[in-house]
Amino acid sequence: MSAVEMGLVNGDGGMFRPNDTITREEICKIIASTISVENVKELDFDDKSSISSWALESVQKVYNAGIV
């Protein structure tokens, strides 16, 4: 089963670009989809406002899990 079939990645506008550099947001989204975290708390990153809305929950989740 592929990462797309498993829902781990869905690409940008339906396009998967395997040769592009992965961003912090993208890797957090992938990792967050594979873990379970309870009591997700707000981020205290200095650059929190630069995190895309589609990735914020995932970044918070991996941060609370101690991964980021």
PDB file of N, CA and C in Angstrom:
ATOM      1  N   MET A   1       0.847  -1.174   0.000  1.00  0.00           N
ATOM      2  CA  MET A   1       0.000   0.000   0.000  1.00  0.00           C
ATOM      3  C   MET A   1       0.898   1.245   0.000  1.00  0.00           C
ATOM      4  N   SER A   2       0.562   2.233  -0.816  1.00  0.00           N
ATOM      5  CA  SER A   2       1.380   3.435  -0.926  1.00  0.00           C
ATOM      6  C   SER A   2       1.021   4.461   0.140  1.00  0.00           C
ATOM      7  N   ALA A   3       1.898   5.440   0.320  1.00  0.00           N
ATOM      8  CA  ALA A   3       1.659   6.513   1.289  1.00  0.00           C
ATOM      9  C   ALA A   3       0.402   7.301   0.919  1.00  0.00           C
ATOM     10  N   VAL A   4       0.125   7.442  -0.362  1.00  0.00           N
ATOM     11  CA  VAL A   4      -1.096   8.131  -0.814  1.00  0.00           C
ATOM     12  C   VAL A   4      -2.321   7.307  -0.435  1.00  0.00           C
ATOM     13  N   GLU A   5      -2.273   6.015  -0.713  1.00  0.00           N
ATOM     14  CA  GLU A   5      -3.396   5.131  -0.387  1.00  0.00           C
ATOM     15  C   GLU A   5      -3.657   5.080   1.117  1.00  0.00           C
ATOM     16  N   MET A   6      -2.607   5.230   1.915  1.00  0.00           N
ATOM     17  CA  MET A   6      -2.741   5.209   3.362  1.00  0.00           C
ATOM     18  C   MET A   6      -3.176   6.563   3.931  1.00  0.00           C
ATOM     19  N   GLY A   7      -3.229   7.586   3.068  1.00  0.00           N
ATOM     20  CA  GLY A   7      -3.625   8.919   3.516  1.00  0.00           C
ATOM     21  C   GLY A   7      -2.511   9.698   4.196  1.00  0.00           C
ATOM     22  N   LEU A   8      -1.261   9.238   4.066  1.00  0.00           N
ATOM     23  CA  LEU A   8      -0.136   9.936   4.690  1.00  0.00           C
ATOM     24  C   LEU A   8       0.279  11.179   3.913  1.00  0.00           C
ATOM     25  N   VAL A   9       0.112  11.152   2.611  1.00  0.00           N
ATOM     26  CA  VAL A   9       0.424  12.293   1.751  1.00  0.00           C
ATOM     27  C   VAL A   9      -0.694  12.454   0.733  1.00  0.00           C
ATOM     28  N   ASN A  10      -0.925  13.695   0.323  1.00  0.00           N
ATOM     29  CA  ASN A  10      -1.929  13.913  -0.714  1.00  0.00           C
ATOM     30  C   ASN A  10      -1.462  14.905  -1.764  1.00  0.00           C
ATOM     31  N   GLY A  11      -0.249  15.411  -1.620  1.00  0.00           N
ATOM     32  CA  GLY A  11       0.308  16.292  -2.631  1.00  0.00           C
ATOM     33  C   GLY A  11      -0.195  17.714  -2.533  1.00  0.00           C
ATOM     34  N   ASP A  12       0.228  18.508  -3.477  1.00  0.00           N
ATOM     35  CA  ASP A  12      -0.121  19.924  -3.555  1.00  0.00           C
ATOM     36  C   ASP A  12      -1.026  20.102  -4.759  1.00  0.00           C
ATOM     37  N   GLY A  13      -2.290  20.352  -4.503  1.00  0.00           N
ATOM     38  CA  GLY A  13      -3.231  20.452  -5.604  1.00  0.00           C
ATOM     39  C   GLY A  13      -3.374  19.147  -6.366  1.00  0.00           C
ATOM     40  N   GLY A  14      -3.211  18.038  -5.645  1.00  0.00           N
ATOM     41  CA  GLY A  14      -3.321  16.734  -6.263  1.00  0.00           C
ATOM     42  C   GLY A  14      -2.045  16.252  -6.938  1.00  0.00           C
ATOM     43  N   MET A  15      -0.997  17.075  -6.889  1.00  0.00           N
ATOM     44  CA  MET A  15       0.280  16.714  -7.502  1.00  0.00           C
ATOM     45  C   MET A  15       1.276  16.318  -6.414  1.00  0.00           C
ATOM     46  N   PHE A  16       1.885  15.158  -6.560  1.00  0.00           N
ATOM     47  CA  PHE A  16       2.917  14.704  -5.640  1.00  0.00           C
ATOM     48  C   PHE A  16       4.264  15.014  -6.275  1.00  0.00           C
ATOM     49  N   ARG A  17       5.100  15.738  -5.554  1.00  0.00           N
ATOM     50  CA  ARG A  17       6.392  16.171  -6.081  1.00  0.00           C
ATOM     51  C   ARG A  17       7.517  15.556  -5.250  1.00  0.00           C
ATOM     52  N   PRO A  18       7.914  14.316  -5.540  1.00  0.00           N
ATOM     53  CA  PRO A  18       8.893  13.604  -4.710  1.00  0.00           C
ATOM     54  C   PRO A  18      10.293  14.209  -4.715  1.00  0.00           C
ATOM     55  N   ASN A  19      10.619  15.037  -5.679  1.00  0.00           N
ATOM     56  CA  ASN A  19      11.949  15.627  -5.738  1.00  0.00           C
ATOM     57  C   ASN A  19      12.041  16.983  -5.036  1.00  0.00           C
ATOM     58  N   ASP A  20      10.911  17.524  -4.588  1.00  0.00           N
ATOM     59  CA  ASP A  20      10.921  18.788  -3.852  1.00  0.00           C
ATOM     60  C   ASP A  20      11.405  18.556  -2.427  1.00  0.00           C
ATOM     61  N   THR A  21      11.992  19.564  -1.826  1.00  0.00           N
ATOM     62  CA  THR A  21      12.407  19.496  -0.430  1.00  0.00           C
ATOM     63  C   THR A  21      11.158  19.506   0.439  1.00  0.00           C
ATOM     64  N   ILE A  22      11.109  18.626   1.430  1.00  0.00           N
ATOM     65  CA  ILE A  22       9.955  18.557   2.316  1.00  0.00           C
ATOM     66  C   ILE A  22      10.069  19.668   3.361  1.00  0.00           C
ATOM     67  N   THR A  23       8.952  20.289   3.690  1.00  0.00           N
ATOM     68  CA  THR A  23       8.944  21.373   4.664  1.00  0.00           C
ATOM     69  C   THR A  23       8.646  20.841   6.059  1.00  0.00           C
ATOM     70  N   ARG A  24       8.880  21.661   7.056  1.00  0.00           N
ATOM     71  CA  ARG A  24       8.538  21.304   8.438  1.00  0.00           C
ATOM     72  C   ARG A  24       7.045  21.001   8.538  1.00  0.00           C
ATOM     73  N   GLU A  25       6.238  21.791   7.889  1.00  0.00           N
ATOM     74  CA  GLU A  25       4.787  21.582   7.915  1.00  0.00           C
ATOM     75  C   GLU A  25       4.418  20.229   7.321  1.00  0.00           C
ATOM     76  N   GLU A  26       5.006  19.902   6.182  1.00  0.00           N
ATOM     77  CA  GLU A  26       4.679  18.653   5.498  1.00  0.00           C
ATOM     78  C   GLU A  26       5.085  17.427   6.312  1.00  0.00           C
ATOM     79  N   ILE A  27       6.294  17.446   6.884  1.00  0.00           N
ATOM     80  CA  ILE A  27       6.720  16.282   7.653  1.00  0.00           C
ATOM     81  C   ILE A  27       5.901  16.158   8.933  1.00  0.00           C
ATOM     82  N   CYS A  28       5.513  17.274   9.526  1.00  0.00           N
ATOM     83  CA  CYS A  28       4.663  17.218  10.717  1.00  0.00           C
ATOM     84  C   CYS A  28       3.302  16.628  10.372  1.00  0.00           C
ATOM     85  N   LYS A  29       2.764  16.977   9.221  1.00  0.00           N
ATOM     86  CA  LYS A  29       1.480  16.440   8.780  1.00  0.00           C
ATOM     87  C   LYS A  29       1.561  14.918   8.614  1.00  0.00           C
ATOM     88  N   ILE A  30       2.641  14.440   8.021  1.00  0.00           N
ATOM     89  CA  ILE A  30       2.820  12.997   7.814  1.00  0.00           C
ATOM     90  C   ILE A  30       2.957  12.283   9.157  1.00  0.00           C
ATOM     91  N   ILE A  31       3.826  12.803  10.020  1.00  0.00           N
ATOM     92  CA  ILE A  31       4.043  12.166  11.322  1.00  0.00           C
ATOM     93  C   ILE A  31       2.769  12.203  12.156  1.00  0.00           C
ATOM     94  N   ALA A  32       2.086  13.343  12.172  1.00  0.00           N
ATOM     95  CA  ALA A  32       0.873  13.497  12.981  1.00  0.00           C
ATOM     96  C   ALA A  32      -0.216  12.507  12.581  1.00  0.00           C
ATOM     97  N   SER A  33      -0.242  12.132  11.319  1.00  0.00           N
ATOM     98  CA  SER A  33      -1.274  11.195  10.865  1.00  0.00           C
ATOM     99  C   SER A  33      -1.000   9.770  11.331  1.00  0.00           C
ATOM    100  N   THR A  34       0.189   9.544  11.912  1.00  0.00           N
ATOM    101  CA  THR A  34       0.545   8.192  12.343  1.00  0.00           C
ATOM    102  C   THR A  34       0.570   8.027  13.863  1.00  0.00           C
ATOM    103  N   ILE A  35       0.344   9.111  14.613  1.00  0.00           N
ATOM    104  CA  ILE A  35       0.429   9.037  16.073  1.00  0.00           C
ATOM    105  C   ILE A  35      -0.867   9.493  16.726  1.00  0.00           C
ATOM    106  N   SER A  36      -1.007   9.149  17.992  1.00  0.00           N
ATOM    107  CA  SER A  36      -2.149   9.587  18.786  1.00  0.00           C
ATOM    108  C   SER A  36      -1.617  10.404  19.954  1.00  0.00           C
ATOM    109  N   VAL A  37      -2.146  11.604  20.122  1.00  0.00           N
ATOM    110  CA  VAL A  37      -1.723  12.495  21.199  1.00  0.00           C
ATOM    111  C   VAL A  37      -2.966  13.051  21.872  1.00  0.00           C
ATOM    112  N   GLU A  38      -2.996  12.962  23.193  1.00  0.00           N
ATOM    113  CA  GLU A  38      -4.107  13.527  23.953  1.00  0.00           C
ATOM    114  C   GLU A  38      -3.691  14.876  24.524  1.00  0.00           C
ATOM    115  N   ASN A  39      -4.667  15.718  24.799  1.00  0.00           N
ATOM    116  CA  ASN A  39      -4.433  17.019  25.425  1.00  0.00           C
ATOM    117  C   ASN A  39      -3.414  17.860  24.667  1.00  0.00           C
ATOM    118  N   VAL A  40      -3.679  18.089  23.393  1.00  0.00           N
ATOM    119  CA  VAL A  40      -2.788  18.894  22.566  1.00  0.00           C
ATOM    120  C   VAL A  40      -2.842  20.345  23.042  1.00  0.00           C
ATOM    121  N   LYS A  41      -1.673  20.887  23.368  1.00  0.00           N
ATOM    122  CA  LYS A  41      -1.569  22.251  23.891  1.00  0.00           C
ATOM    123  C   LYS A  41      -1.101  23.206  22.805  1.00  0.00           C
ATOM    124  N   GLU A  42      -1.351  24.474  23.040  1.00  0.00           N
ATOM    125  CA  GLU A  42      -0.949  25.551  22.132  1.00  0.00           C
ATOM    126  C   GLU A  42       0.569  25.570  21.952  1.00  0.00           C
ATOM    127  N   LEU A  43       1.000  25.958  20.771  1.00  0.00           N
ATOM    128  CA  LEU A  43       2.429  26.084  20.490  1.00  0.00           C
ATOM    129  C   LEU A  43       2.996  27.343  21.120  1.00  0.00           C
ATOM    130  N   ASP A  44       4.271  27.311  21.458  1.00  0.00           N
ATOM    131  CA  ASP A  44       4.928  28.529  21.915  1.00  0.00           C
ATOM    132  C   ASP A  44       6.117  28.863  21.016  1.00  0.00           C
ATOM    133  N   PHE A  45       6.004  28.534  19.730  1.00  0.00           N
ATOM    134  CA  PHE A  45       7.044  28.848  18.750  1.00  0.00           C
ATOM    135  C   PHE A  45       7.025  30.340  18.442  1.00  0.00           C
ATOM    136  N   ASP A  46       8.207  30.928  18.293  1.00  0.00           N
ATOM    137  CA  ASP A  46       8.297  32.340  17.925  1.00  0.00           C
ATOM    138  C   ASP A  46       7.689  32.599  16.545  1.00  0.00           C
ATOM    139  N   ASP A  47       7.772  31.614  15.669  1.00  0.00           N
ATOM    140  CA  ASP A  47       7.270  31.789  14.300  1.00  0.00           C
ATOM    141  C   ASP A  47       5.911  31.120  14.072  1.00  0.00           C
ATOM    142  N   LYS A  48       5.146  30.947  15.120  1.00  0.00           N
ATOM    143  CA  LYS A  48       3.838  30.277  15.014  1.00  0.00           C
ATOM    144  C   LYS A  48       2.950  30.916  13.946  1.00  0.00           C
ATOM    145  N   SER A  49       3.015  32.226  13.827  1.00  0.00           N
ATOM    146  CA  SER A  49       2.156  32.910  12.849  1.00  0.00           C
ATOM    147  C   SER A  49       2.520  32.570  11.412  1.00  0.00           C
ATOM    148  N   SER A  50       3.696  32.015  11.183  1.00  0.00           N
ATOM    149  CA  SER A  50       4.097  31.654   9.816  1.00  0.00           C
ATOM    150  C   SER A  50       3.687  30.234   9.441  1.00  0.00           C
ATOM    151  N   ILE A  51       3.117  29.480  10.391  1.00  0.00           N
ATOM    152  CA  ILE A  51       2.677  28.110  10.100  1.00  0.00           C
ATOM    153  C   ILE A  51       1.334  28.162   9.377  1.00  0.00           C
ATOM    154  N   SER A  52       1.250  27.476   8.260  1.00  0.00           N
ATOM    155  CA  SER A  52       0.016  27.460   7.466  1.00  0.00           C
ATOM    156  C   SER A  52      -1.134  26.862   8.267  1.00  0.00           C
ATOM    157  N   SER A  53      -2.326  27.371   8.026  1.00  0.00           N
ATOM    158  CA  SER A  53      -3.502  26.906   8.776  1.00  0.00           C
ATOM    159  C   SER A  53      -3.740  25.407   8.589  1.00  0.00           C
ATOM    160  N   TRP A  54      -3.444  24.866   7.390  1.00  0.00           N
ATOM    161  CA  TRP A  54      -3.661  23.439   7.142  1.00  0.00           C
ATOM    162  C   TRP A  54      -2.699  22.569   7.946  1.00  0.00           C
ATOM    163  N   ALA A  55      -1.590  23.139   8.421  1.00  0.00           N
ATOM    164  CA  ALA A  55      -0.575  22.355   9.118  1.00  0.00           C
ATOM    165  C   ALA A  55      -0.539  22.599  10.622  1.00  0.00           C
ATOM    166  N   LEU A  56      -1.212  23.614  11.107  1.00  0.00           N
ATOM    167  CA  LEU A  56      -1.082  24.020  12.506  1.00  0.00           C
ATOM    168  C   LEU A  56      -1.419  22.890  13.478  1.00  0.00           C
ATOM    169  N   GLU A  57      -2.515  22.214  13.274  1.00  0.00           N
ATOM    170  CA  GLU A  57      -2.909  21.125  14.176  1.00  0.00           C
ATOM    171  C   GLU A  57      -1.852  20.009  14.177  1.00  0.00           C
ATOM    172  N   SER A  58      -1.311  19.693  13.028  1.00  0.00           N
ATOM    173  CA  SER A  58      -0.291  18.647  12.941  1.00  0.00           C
ATOM    174  C   SER A  58       0.991  19.063  13.650  1.00  0.00           C
ATOM    175  N   VAL A  59       1.421  20.306  13.473  1.00  0.00           N
ATOM    176  CA  VAL A  59       2.619  20.796  14.144  1.00  0.00           C
ATOM    177  C   VAL A  59       2.412  20.763  15.652  1.00  0.00           C
ATOM    178  N   GLN A  60       1.239  21.192  16.112  1.00  0.00           N
ATOM    179  CA  GLN A  60       0.933  21.150  17.540  1.00  0.00           C
ATOM    180  C   GLN A  60       0.985  19.712  18.067  1.00  0.00           C
ATOM    181  N   LYS A  61       0.453  18.791  17.307  1.00  0.00           N
ATOM    182  CA  LYS A  61       0.394  17.397  17.729  1.00  0.00           C
ATOM    183  C   LYS A  61       1.792  16.804  17.885  1.00  0.00           C
ATOM    184  N   VAL A  62       2.667  16.991  16.908  1.00  0.00           N
ATOM    185  CA  VAL A  62       4.006  16.421  17.007  1.00  0.00           C
ATOM    186  C   VAL A  62       4.853  17.158  18.044  1.00  0.00           C
ATOM    187  N   TYR A  63       4.583  18.433  18.217  1.00  0.00           N
ATOM    188  CA  TYR A  63       5.258  19.194  19.277  1.00  0.00           C
ATOM    189  C   TYR A  63       4.889  18.646  20.649  1.00  0.00           C
ATOM    190  N   ASN A  64       3.610  18.423  20.862  1.00  0.00           N
ATOM    191  CA  ASN A  64       3.131  17.881  22.147  1.00  0.00           C
ATOM    192  C   ASN A  64       3.603  16.451  22.372  1.00  0.00           C
ATOM    193  N   ALA A  65       3.886  15.729  21.310  1.00  0.00           N
ATOM    194  CA  ALA A  65       4.399  14.362  21.449  1.00  0.00           C
ATOM    195  C   ALA A  65       5.905  14.366  21.730  1.00  0.00           C
ATOM    196  N   GLY A  66       6.527  15.554  21.668  1.00  0.00           N
ATOM    197  CA  GLY A  66       7.961  15.657  21.925  1.00  0.00           C
ATOM    198  C   GLY A  66       8.826  15.323  20.737  1.00  0.00           C
ATOM    199  N   ILE A  67       8.241  15.299  19.560  1.00  0.00           N
ATOM    200  CA  ILE A  67       8.974  14.961  18.340  1.00  0.00           C
ATOM    201  C   ILE A  67       9.650  16.186  17.755  1.00  0.00           C
ATOM    202  N   VAL A  68       8.962  17.327  17.805  1.00  0.00           N
ATOM    203  CA  VAL A  68       9.505  18.597  17.286  1.00  0.00           C
ATOM    204  C   VAL A  68       9.773  19.506  18.464  1.00  0.00           C
TER     205      VAL A  68
END
